[in-house]
Amino acid sequence: MAFNPVLRFVALSDVHYKDYPSVERERMSRAISLGYELSEKHPDYKRLDALFVVGDFTDRGTFEQMTAFYDTISKARSETQTVVSLASHEFSRGENEALERFSSIFGTEPDTHKVINGFHFISLSTTNGCRFSDKKINWARQQLEAAAADDPKKPIFFFQHPHISDTVYGSINWGEDELYATLMDYPQIINFSGHSHAPINDPRSIHQKHFTCLGTGSLSYFELDEFDKIYGTVPPKADECAQMLIVEADAENRVRIYPYDILTEHYFPFVWEIDEPSNPLSFKYTDKRYKTCDVPYFPKEAQIIIEDCDSDSIDLILPQAKTNKDYVNSYMLCVKETESGRICRQISFWSEYYFYDMPDTFSYSITALKPKTEYEISLFAESFWHTTSAPLSVITTTK
């Protein structure tokens, strides 16, 4: 059956407006413009019904930052409902003060329940940083009960800033579990969250178990949720970051989610499909994905190129590997002395999959080596699902 949308909205988060004009302001304005441009390209349904901003829209919650953000989203057309929630960065100079500023500038409540084109949307701001009080949880439960009573098979779109713990990528380090017991009673929930700055095109940024969860990325900088990389959790060129989700639903309650890269103005090359939001047995994006047989591989023509070799260093050009399904997540570079068999370096780094225009090769310099020593250098590619390629290797000798 053809998918013909009757609803379309944009979801994004972690914009981090500063007190002064910054690149985040340009990216947010462009996100809104692109939302309309992409909508108008659809052959039948050309509306952008809503824009949801899921917390940390400012860097410190000052009057200047909130006002600047309000000025940006005020440029949205009258057909588009704009919903903004607050979280830890808005509260960094005091929660009560931030709520007062928000009310006076935006003229709306921090928690909202809207019905748009017959679909229910619930947006919940945090309190005490990124926590949820009993009062907040009880309010959310009441709204969910009302939405489910309206139509138990219809998706309920639910928004809060921190991820639900142990769901999407980023939720281990940047998740909260206080809402879990309430949300899991409603499998038709499609939940949107931010906080981690994890890339939305990571296949783990959608997760289904009791309900569906999605990460909303950032318009400011990337951070990732693995701790073995040589540069920590914030990769090089992390500020080259602006991503959003475009979400559509049809009259059959089917939902399609399109991750989009604002900087290059491209959709990422896949669509997430939720055909029966209320039926967990139909879910495609569960932890069963970790049982995959898909293993990264290097094409036959791939090779490690020795660009330069000195007495204590080796400069390399490394190729990207491939998989049959997703991107390659990361690489392990292993350096071993061939005579002794001793491993003297293990270097882990990301593939830069989070860039739409990810590189074809990497340059890397291995330093602090011994002179006149033969080394075997092996490159292993690692998938998102903990499968590892056969190594690509080269042997060379320092001067």
Protein backbone atom coordinates (compact mmCIF):
# COMPACT_ATOMS: atom_id res chain seq x y z
CA MET A 1 0.00 0.00 0.00
CA ALA A 2 1.41 3.39 -0.95
CA PHE A 3 2.37 5.67 1.92
CA ASN A 4 0.51 8.98 1.66
CA PRO A 5 1.18 11.28 4.61
CA VAL A 6 -1.54 13.15 6.43
CA LEU A 7 0.90 14.57 9.00
CA ARG A 8 4.46 15.89 8.87
CA PHE A 9 6.68 17.40 11.57
CA VAL A 10 10.32 18.13 12.31
CA ALA A 11 11.98 17.06 15.58
CA LEU A 12 15.37 18.36 16.72
CA SER A 13 17.16 19.27 19.94
CA ASP A 14 20.33 20.61 21.57
CA VAL A 15 20.59 23.77 19.51
CA HIS A 16 22.51 25.74 22.18
CA TYR A 17 21.87 29.37 21.26
CA LYS A 18 24.54 31.72 22.63
CA ASP A 19 24.17 35.35 23.77
CA TYR A 20 25.77 36.41 20.49
CA PRO A 21 25.12 35.46 16.85
CA SER A 22 26.63 32.02 16.29
CA VAL A 23 26.54 29.18 13.79
CA GLU A 24 23.74 27.53 15.77
CA ARG A 25 21.41 30.39 14.89
CA GLU A 26 22.17 29.97 11.20
CA ARG A 27 21.59 26.23 11.43
CA MET A 28 18.26 26.62 13.21
CA SER A 29 17.00 29.11 10.64
CA ARG A 30 18.12 26.78 7.88
CA ALA A 31 16.40 23.82 9.54
CA ILE A 32 13.07 25.64 9.42
CA SER A 33 13.57 26.73 5.81
CA LEU A 34 14.54 23.21 4.77
CA GLY A 35 11.50 21.81 6.53
CA TYR A 36 9.32 23.83 4.17
CA GLU A 37 11.44 23.21 1.08
CA LEU A 38 11.38 19.46 1.60
CA SER A 39 7.66 19.45 2.38
CA GLU A 40 6.86 21.35 -0.80
CA LYS A 41 8.70 18.74 -2.88
CA HIS A 42 6.21 16.04 -1.90
CA PRO A 43 3.84 15.32 -4.80
CA ASP A 44 0.70 15.41 -2.64
CA TYR A 45 1.19 16.53 0.96
CA LYS A 46 3.10 19.80 1.12
CA ARG A 47 2.43 20.97 4.69
CA LEU A 48 4.81 21.15 7.63
CA ASP A 49 2.38 20.74 10.51
CA ALA A 50 4.69 21.12 13.49
CA LEU A 51 8.20 21.81 14.75
CA PHE A 52 9.26 20.17 18.02
CA VAL A 53 12.41 21.35 19.82
CA VAL A 54 13.29 18.84 22.53
CA GLY A 55 15.24 20.87 25.10
CA ASP A 56 18.60 22.63 25.40
CA PHE A 57 17.59 25.14 22.76
CA THR A 58 19.81 27.63 24.62
CA ASP A 59 23.27 27.28 26.11
CA ARG A 60 22.56 28.95 29.48
CA GLY A 61 18.91 30.00 29.40
CA THR A 62 19.55 33.75 29.45
CA PHE A 63 16.99 36.32 28.35
CA GLU A 64 19.11 37.10 25.27
CA GLN A 65 19.32 33.45 24.25
CA MET A 66 15.64 32.70 24.76
CA THR A 67 14.62 35.86 22.93
CA ALA A 68 16.90 35.09 20.00
CA PHE A 69 15.53 31.56 19.75
CA TYR A 70 11.94 32.78 19.93
CA ASP A 71 12.68 35.28 17.15
CA THR A 72 13.93 32.41 14.97
CA ILE A 73 11.02 30.04 15.45
CA SER A 74 8.55 32.93 15.10
CA LYS A 75 9.45 32.91 11.42
CA ALA A 76 7.63 29.58 11.04
CA ARG A 77 4.42 29.80 9.04
CA SER A 78 1.03 29.94 10.71
CA GLU A 79 0.27 26.39 9.50
CA THR A 80 3.14 25.08 11.66
CA GLN A 81 2.70 24.63 15.39
CA THR A 82 5.94 25.15 17.30
CA VAL A 83 6.52 23.35 20.60
CA VAL A 84 9.61 23.92 22.72
CA SER A 85 10.53 22.12 25.94
CA LEU A 86 13.09 23.12 28.58
CA ALA A 87 15.89 21.14 30.17
CA SER A 88 19.16 21.44 32.06
CA HIS A 89 20.84 24.13 29.94
CA GLU A 90 17.80 26.38 30.15
CA PHE A 91 17.91 25.96 33.95
CA SER A 92 21.65 26.63 34.36
CA ARG A 93 20.95 30.05 35.93
CA GLY A 94 17.99 28.95 38.02
CA GLU A 95 14.93 26.89 37.17
CA ASN A 96 12.22 29.23 38.46
CA GLU A 97 13.83 32.20 36.74
CA ALA A 98 14.09 30.25 33.47
CA LEU A 99 10.43 29.23 33.64
CA GLU A 100 9.41 32.85 34.18
CA ARG A 101 11.53 34.00 31.24
CA PHE A 102 10.12 31.22 29.07
CA SER A 103 6.53 32.11 29.96
CA SER A 104 7.02 35.82 29.26
CA ILE A 105 8.90 35.31 25.98
CA PHE A 106 7.14 32.27 24.49
CA GLY A 107 3.72 32.75 26.05
CA THR A 108 3.18 29.04 26.54
CA GLU A 109 3.42 26.33 29.18
CA PRO A 110 6.57 24.20 29.58
CA ASP A 111 4.45 21.02 29.33
CA THR A 112 1.91 20.63 26.53
CA HIS A 113 -0.55 18.14 25.08
CA LYS A 114 -1.71 18.98 21.57
CA VAL A 115 -3.80 17.20 18.97
CA ILE A 116 -2.55 17.88 15.45
CA ASN A 117 -4.39 16.35 12.48
CA GLY A 118 -5.92 13.83 14.87
CA PHE A 119 -2.57 12.70 16.37
CA HIS A 120 -1.63 13.32 20.01
CA PHE A 121 1.61 15.10 20.89
CA ILE A 122 2.84 15.30 24.50
CA SER A 123 5.88 17.41 25.35
CA LEU A 124 7.36 17.32 28.86
CA SER A 125 10.00 19.66 30.26
CA THR A 126 12.37 18.44 32.96
CA THR A 127 12.86 19.74 36.48
CA ASN A 128 15.87 19.77 38.80
CA GLY A 129 18.23 19.57 35.85
CA CYS A 130 17.14 16.59 33.76
CA ARG A 131 14.87 14.81 36.24
CA PHE A 132 11.12 14.23 36.44
CA SER A 133 9.18 14.86 39.63
CA ASP A 134 6.19 12.79 40.73
CA LYS A 135 4.00 15.70 39.69
CA LYS A 136 5.47 15.65 36.18
CA ILE A 137 5.13 11.87 35.91
CA ASN A 138 1.52 11.93 37.08
CA TRP A 139 0.68 14.65 34.57
CA ALA A 140 2.30 12.62 31.78
CA ARG A 141 0.34 9.52 32.80
CA GLN A 142 -2.95 11.42 32.69
CA GLN A 143 -2.20 12.79 29.23
CA LEU A 144 -1.18 9.38 27.92
CA GLU A 145 -4.34 7.79 29.26
CA ALA A 146 -6.46 10.40 27.51
CA ALA A 147 -4.54 9.98 24.24
CA ALA A 148 -4.78 6.19 24.31
CA ALA A 149 -8.51 6.34 25.08
CA ASP A 150 -9.00 8.46 21.96
CA ASP A 151 -7.58 5.72 19.70
CA PRO A 152 -5.46 2.88 21.15
CA LYS A 153 -3.86 2.06 17.78
CA LYS A 154 -2.82 5.56 16.87
CA PRO A 155 0.79 6.55 17.58
CA ILE A 156 1.31 8.92 20.49
CA PHE A 157 4.26 11.24 19.90
CA PHE A 158 6.02 11.94 23.22
CA PHE A 159 8.92 14.35 23.72
CA GLN A 160 11.33 14.87 26.64
CA HIS A 161 14.95 16.00 26.69
CA PRO A 162 16.96 13.15 28.29
CA HIS A 163 16.85 9.76 26.65
CA ILE A 164 15.01 6.93 28.35
CA SER A 165 17.80 4.87 29.91
CA ASP A 166 19.07 1.83 28.02
CA THR A 167 17.18 2.56 24.81
CA VAL A 168 18.77 4.62 22.01
CA TYR A 169 22.49 5.18 21.49
CA GLY A 170 23.65 7.74 24.04
CA SER A 171 21.14 6.69 26.69
CA ILE A 172 23.62 4.91 28.95
CA ASN A 173 25.56 8.07 29.72
CA TRP A 174 22.76 10.58 29.06
CA GLY A 175 19.56 8.80 30.07
CA GLU A 176 17.01 8.91 32.90
CA ASP A 177 14.75 6.05 33.94
CA GLU A 178 12.05 7.88 35.92
CA LEU A 179 9.50 7.85 33.09
CA TYR A 180 10.10 4.27 32.02
CA ALA A 181 7.47 2.56 34.18
CA THR A 182 4.81 4.95 32.90
CA LEU A 183 5.74 4.96 29.22
CA MET A 184 6.07 1.19 28.87
CA ASP A 185 2.31 0.76 29.37
CA TYR A 186 1.76 2.48 26.00
CA PRO A 187 3.52 0.60 23.18
CA GLN A 188 2.08 3.09 20.68
CA ILE A 189 4.38 5.80 22.06
CA ILE A 190 6.99 7.12 19.65
CA ASN A 191 9.41 8.88 21.95
CA PHE A 192 11.82 11.65 20.96
CA SER A 193 14.76 12.71 23.14
CA GLY A 194 18.11 14.46 23.00
CA HIS A 195 20.72 15.40 25.63
CA SER A 196 23.50 13.11 24.35
CA HIS A 197 24.25 14.87 21.03
CA ALA A 198 24.56 11.37 19.54
CA PRO A 199 24.23 11.20 15.74
CA ILE A 200 20.71 10.53 14.46
CA ASN A 201 22.03 8.47 11.55
CA ASP A 202 23.53 5.92 13.93
CA PRO A 203 21.28 2.87 13.46
CA ARG A 204 21.14 2.54 17.25
CA SER A 205 19.44 5.97 17.42
CA ILE A 206 16.17 4.14 16.97
CA HIS A 207 15.25 1.51 19.55
CA GLN A 208 12.14 -0.58 20.06
CA LYS A 209 11.24 -2.77 23.01
CA HIS A 210 8.25 -1.71 25.09
CA PHE A 211 7.72 1.29 22.78
CA THR A 212 9.68 3.18 20.12
CA CYS A 213 12.49 5.60 21.00
CA LEU A 214 14.43 7.99 18.78
CA GLY A 215 17.37 10.30 19.42
CA THR A 216 17.12 13.83 18.02
CA GLY A 217 20.83 14.69 17.68
CA SER A 218 22.13 18.26 17.84
CA LEU A 219 22.66 21.44 15.86
CA SER A 220 25.78 22.33 17.84
CA TYR A 221 28.29 19.48 18.25
CA PHE A 222 28.53 15.69 18.30
CA GLU A 223 29.25 13.58 21.32
CA LEU A 224 29.29 9.78 21.24
CA ASP A 225 28.70 7.13 23.86
CA GLU A 226 31.80 4.95 23.64
CA PHE A 227 34.77 5.48 25.89
CA ASP A 228 37.67 3.62 24.28
CA LYS A 229 38.41 6.11 21.52
CA ILE A 230 41.76 7.92 21.47
CA TYR A 231 40.12 11.36 21.68
CA GLY A 232 37.43 10.55 24.25
CA THR A 233 33.71 10.90 23.51
CA VAL A 234 33.94 14.15 21.50
CA PRO A 235 35.48 13.40 18.10
CA PRO A 236 37.52 15.73 15.87
CA LYS A 237 35.41 18.19 13.86
CA ALA A 238 32.57 17.63 16.34
CA ASP A 239 31.16 21.09 15.65
CA GLU A 240 30.37 20.15 12.03
CA CYS A 241 27.01 19.01 13.30
CA ALA A 242 23.43 19.83 12.32
CA GLN A 243 20.89 17.04 12.03
CA MET A 244 17.11 16.74 12.34
CA LEU A 245 14.35 14.18 11.94
CA ILE A 246 11.50 14.60 9.48
CA VAL A 247 8.54 12.49 10.57
CA GLU A 248 5.41 11.56 8.61
CA ALA A 249 2.30 9.55 9.46
CA ASP A 250 -0.50 8.32 7.24
CA ALA A 251 -4.19 7.57 7.77
CA GLU A 252 -3.37 3.91 8.51
CA ASN A 253 -1.26 5.02 11.54
CA ARG A 254 1.95 4.07 9.77
CA VAL A 255 4.96 6.28 10.53
CA ARG A 256 8.04 7.05 8.46
CA ILE A 257 11.12 8.79 9.92
CA TYR A 258 13.74 10.41 7.70
CA PRO A 259 17.07 11.42 9.30
CA TYR A 260 18.36 14.55 7.58
CA ASP A 261 21.72 16.32 7.44
CA ILE A 262 21.24 20.10 7.46
CA LEU A 263 24.85 21.01 6.59
CA THR A 264 24.94 19.09 3.31
CA GLU A 265 21.16 19.27 2.75
CA HIS A 266 20.80 15.53 2.21
CA TYR A 267 18.64 12.76 3.60
CA PHE A 268 20.71 9.96 5.07
CA PRO A 269 20.29 6.85 2.87
CA PHE A 270 17.64 4.98 4.84
CA VAL A 271 14.12 5.41 6.25
CA TRP A 272 12.85 4.03 9.55
CA GLU A 273 9.45 2.39 9.17
CA ILE A 274 6.89 1.79 11.92
CA ASP A 275 3.86 0.05 10.45
CA GLU A 276 2.03 -0.93 13.64
CA PRO A 277 3.05 1.45 16.43
CA SER A 278 0.78 -0.25 18.98
CA ASN A 279 2.05 -3.80 18.30
CA PRO A 280 5.46 -4.62 19.85
CA LEU A 281 5.55 -7.93 17.96
CA SER A 282 5.87 -5.94 14.73
CA PHE A 283 8.88 -3.91 15.88
CA LYS A 284 11.91 -4.09 13.57
CA TYR A 285 14.51 -2.10 15.51
CA THR A 286 14.98 -4.23 18.62
CA ASP A 287 18.06 -5.65 20.32
CA LYS A 288 17.77 -8.65 17.99
CA ARG A 289 19.85 -6.54 15.63
CA TYR A 290 22.88 -7.46 17.75
CA LYS A 291 22.50 -11.07 16.54
CA THR A 292 23.38 -10.08 12.99
CA CYS A 293 25.69 -12.12 10.80
CA ASP A 294 26.70 -8.99 8.90
CA VAL A 295 30.45 -8.48 9.30
CA PRO A 296 32.42 -5.49 7.97
CA TYR A 297 34.88 -6.22 5.19
CA PHE A 298 37.60 -4.46 3.22
CA PRO A 299 37.21 -4.45 -0.57
CA LYS A 300 39.82 -6.46 -2.47
CA GLU A 301 41.54 -3.31 -3.67
CA ALA A 302 41.81 -1.80 -0.18
CA GLN A 303 45.27 -1.32 1.26
CA ILE A 304 47.12 0.47 4.03
CA ILE A 305 49.45 2.99 2.42
CA ILE A 306 52.74 3.90 4.11
CA GLU A 307 52.96 7.61 3.34
CA ASP A 308 56.16 8.20 5.32
CA CYS A 309 58.37 6.20 7.68
CA ASP A 310 60.92 7.73 10.03
CA SER A 311 63.08 6.35 12.82
CA ASP A 312 60.33 6.67 15.42
CA SER A 313 57.10 7.20 13.45
CA ILE A 314 55.00 5.86 10.59
CA ASP A 315 52.48 7.95 8.64
CA LEU A 316 49.57 5.99 7.25
CA ILE A 317 46.64 6.42 4.90
CA LEU A 318 43.86 4.04 5.94
CA PRO A 319 40.85 2.99 3.81
CA GLN A 320 37.22 2.71 4.86
CA ALA A 321 35.69 -0.74 5.13
CA LYS A 322 32.15 -1.64 4.06
CA THR A 323 29.15 -3.55 5.41
CA ASN A 324 26.13 -4.99 3.66
CA LYS A 325 23.64 -3.08 5.83
CA ASP A 326 24.88 -0.03 7.71
CA TYR A 327 28.00 2.05 7.99
CA VAL A 328 31.16 0.93 9.73
CA ASN A 329 31.11 2.29 13.27
CA SER A 330 34.81 2.36 14.17
CA TYR A 331 38.29 0.92 13.68
CA MET A 332 40.96 -0.70 15.80
CA LEU A 333 44.54 -0.15 14.64
CA CYS A 334 46.95 -2.70 16.10
CA VAL A 335 50.75 -2.23 15.90
CA LYS A 336 52.91 -5.28 16.67
CA GLU A 337 56.67 -5.84 16.69
CA THR A 338 57.11 -8.72 14.28
CA GLU A 339 60.21 -10.20 15.92
CA SER A 340 58.92 -10.32 19.49
CA GLY A 341 55.21 -10.51 18.70
CA ARG A 342 54.64 -7.74 21.25
CA ILE A 343 51.64 -5.47 20.66
CA CYS A 344 52.87 -1.94 21.34
CA ARG A 345 49.87 0.12 20.18
CA GLN A 346 46.10 -0.36 20.10
CA ILE A 347 44.31 2.65 18.68
CA SER A 348 40.50 2.92 18.45
CA PHE A 349 38.74 5.66 16.47
CA TRP A 350 35.41 6.29 14.75
CA SER A 351 34.75 5.97 11.03
CA GLU A 352 33.16 9.46 10.98
CA TYR A 353 29.92 7.85 9.84
CA TYR A 354 28.05 10.76 11.46
CA PHE A 355 29.04 13.02 8.55
CA TYR A 356 26.87 12.62 5.46
CA ASP A 357 30.03 13.16 3.38
CA MET A 358 32.15 10.77 5.45
CA PRO A 359 35.74 10.44 4.21
CA ASP A 360 36.98 7.62 1.98
CA THR A 361 40.33 7.42 3.78
CA PHE A 362 42.00 8.52 7.03
CA SER A 363 45.47 9.83 7.74
CA TYR A 364 47.09 8.66 10.93
CA SER A 365 50.60 8.93 12.40
CA ILE A 366 51.93 6.29 14.79
CA THR A 367 54.64 7.79 17.00
CA ALA A 368 57.08 6.78 19.77
CA LEU A 369 58.29 3.72 17.86
CA LYS A 370 61.75 2.09 17.94
CA PRO A 371 64.26 2.76 15.15
CA LYS A 372 65.22 -0.02 12.72
CA THR A 373 62.36 -2.19 13.91
CA GLU A 374 59.93 -4.15 11.79
CA TYR A 375 56.25 -3.67 12.61
CA GLU A 376 53.09 -5.38 11.46
CA ILE A 377 50.21 -2.89 11.30
CA SER A 378 46.69 -4.33 11.22
CA LEU A 379 43.40 -2.50 10.77
CA PHE A 380 40.14 -4.05 12.03
CA ALA A 381 36.72 -2.60 11.13
CA GLU A 382 33.96 -2.80 13.74
CA SER A 383 30.20 -2.67 13.15
CA PHE A 384 27.55 -1.12 15.37
CA TRP A 385 26.53 -4.64 16.34
CA HIS A 386 29.87 -5.85 17.73
CA THR A 387 31.04 -7.77 14.68
CA THR A 388 34.63 -7.32 13.50
CA SER A 389 36.26 -7.67 10.10
CA ALA A 390 39.25 -9.73 9.15
CA PRO A 391 42.34 -7.51 9.43
CA LEU A 392 43.90 -5.49 6.65
CA SER A 393 47.65 -5.60 7.30
CA VAL A 394 50.98 -4.25 6.16
CA ILE A 395 54.55 -4.78 7.35
CA THR A 396 57.14 -1.99 7.38
CA THR A 397 60.43 -1.11 9.11
CA THR A 398 61.36 2.17 10.76
CA LYS A 399 64.62 3.86 9.71
